């Protein structure tokens, strides 16, 4: 199952990143889950 979340890192806070991780975990992602970072602008 694919899970797609996004966060604009320009101006993001640590709280924003923590919320993203919390959302991924609540959707079933585990600590060992691989991530893919899309760097297109």
N, C-alpha and C. Protein backbone atom coordinates (compact mmCIF):
# COMPACT_ATOMS: atom_id res chain seq x y z
N UNK A 1 0.85 -1.18 0.00
CA UNK A 1 0.00 0.00 0.00
C UNK A 1 0.89 1.24 0.00
N UNK A 2 0.63 2.14 -0.90
CA UNK A 2 1.40 3.38 -0.97
C UNK A 2 0.72 4.46 -0.15
N UNK A 3 1.54 5.25 0.49
CA UNK A 3 1.06 6.38 1.28
C UNK A 3 1.77 7.62 0.76
N UNK A 4 1.01 8.62 0.36
CA UNK A 4 1.60 9.85 -0.18
C UNK A 4 1.29 11.01 0.76
N UNK A 5 2.34 11.56 1.35
CA UNK A 5 2.23 12.75 2.20
C UNK A 5 3.19 13.78 1.64
N UNK A 6 2.92 15.04 1.87
CA UNK A 6 3.85 16.07 1.38
C UNK A 6 4.04 17.14 2.43
N UNK A 7 5.22 17.75 2.38
CA UNK A 7 5.57 18.85 3.27
C UNK A 7 6.53 19.76 2.53
N UNK A 8 6.19 21.02 2.45
CA UNK A 8 7.09 22.01 1.85
C UNK A 8 8.13 22.34 2.90
N UNK A 9 9.37 21.94 2.67
CA UNK A 9 10.42 22.13 3.67
C UNK A 9 10.92 23.56 3.76
N UNK A 10 10.59 24.39 2.78
CA UNK A 10 10.98 25.80 2.84
C UNK A 10 10.12 26.50 3.87
N UNK A 11 10.70 26.81 5.01
CA UNK A 11 9.96 27.47 6.08
C UNK A 11 9.26 26.52 7.03
N UNK A 12 9.41 25.21 6.81
CA UNK A 12 8.76 24.24 7.71
C UNK A 12 9.45 24.25 9.07
N UNK A 13 8.69 23.95 10.09
CA UNK A 13 9.23 23.89 11.44
C UNK A 13 9.42 22.44 11.86
N UNK A 14 10.10 22.24 12.97
CA UNK A 14 10.25 20.90 13.52
C UNK A 14 8.88 20.32 13.85
N UNK A 15 7.98 21.16 14.32
CA UNK A 15 6.62 20.72 14.60
C UNK A 15 5.91 20.22 13.35
N UNK A 16 6.15 20.88 12.22
CA UNK A 16 5.56 20.44 10.95
C UNK A 16 6.08 19.05 10.58
N UNK A 17 7.38 18.85 10.75
CA UNK A 17 7.99 17.56 10.44
C UNK A 17 7.47 16.48 11.38
N UNK A 18 7.35 16.81 12.65
CA UNK A 18 6.81 15.85 13.63
C UNK A 18 5.38 15.47 13.27
N UNK A 19 4.58 16.42 12.82
CA UNK A 19 3.20 16.14 12.43
C UNK A 19 3.16 15.22 11.21
N UNK A 20 4.07 15.42 10.28
CA UNK A 20 4.15 14.56 9.10
C UNK A 20 4.48 13.13 9.51
N UNK A 21 5.45 12.97 10.39
CA UNK A 21 5.82 11.63 10.86
C UNK A 21 4.67 11.00 11.64
N UNK A 22 4.00 11.77 12.46
CA UNK A 22 2.85 11.24 13.22
C UNK A 22 1.75 10.78 12.28
N UNK A 23 1.50 11.53 11.22
CA UNK A 23 0.48 11.13 10.25
C UNK A 23 0.86 9.83 9.55
N UNK A 24 2.13 9.70 9.20
CA UNK A 24 2.60 8.47 8.55
C UNK A 24 2.46 7.28 9.49
N UNK A 25 2.84 7.47 10.73
CA UNK A 25 2.72 6.37 11.70
C UNK A 25 1.27 5.99 11.94
N UNK A 26 0.39 6.96 12.03
CA UNK A 26 -1.02 6.65 12.27
C UNK A 26 -1.64 5.94 11.07
N UNK A 27 -1.04 6.11 9.90
CA UNK A 27 -1.52 5.43 8.69
C UNK A 27 -0.90 4.05 8.54
N UNK A 28 -0.04 3.66 9.50
CA UNK A 28 0.53 2.31 9.47
C UNK A 28 1.99 2.22 9.09
N UNK A 29 2.65 3.34 8.83
CA UNK A 29 4.07 3.29 8.49
C UNK A 29 4.88 2.88 9.72
N UNK A 30 5.91 2.09 9.49
CA UNK A 30 6.78 1.63 10.57
C UNK A 30 8.11 2.37 10.51
N UNK A 31 8.89 2.26 11.57
CA UNK A 31 10.20 2.92 11.62
C UNK A 31 11.10 2.48 10.48
N UNK A 32 10.92 1.27 9.99
CA UNK A 32 11.76 0.75 8.91
C UNK A 32 11.21 1.07 7.52
N UNK A 33 10.09 1.78 7.44
CA UNK A 33 9.49 2.11 6.14
C UNK A 33 10.42 3.02 5.34
N UNK A 34 10.57 2.70 4.06
CA UNK A 34 11.41 3.51 3.18
C UNK A 34 10.67 4.79 2.80
N UNK A 35 11.43 5.86 2.57
CA UNK A 35 10.84 7.11 2.11
C UNK A 35 11.49 7.52 0.79
N UNK A 36 10.79 8.29 0.02
CA UNK A 36 11.29 8.82 -1.24
C UNK A 36 11.07 10.33 -1.21
N UNK A 37 12.14 11.08 -1.36
CA UNK A 37 12.04 12.54 -1.31
C UNK A 37 12.06 13.08 -2.73
N UNK A 38 11.00 13.78 -3.09
CA UNK A 38 10.90 14.40 -4.41
C UNK A 38 11.41 15.83 -4.29
N UNK A 39 12.45 16.16 -5.05
CA UNK A 39 13.08 17.47 -4.91
C UNK A 39 12.73 18.44 -6.03
N UNK A 40 11.73 18.13 -6.84
CA UNK A 40 11.39 19.06 -7.92
C UNK A 40 10.75 20.32 -7.34
N UNK A 41 10.98 21.41 -8.03
CA UNK A 41 10.44 22.70 -7.56
C UNK A 41 9.35 23.20 -8.45
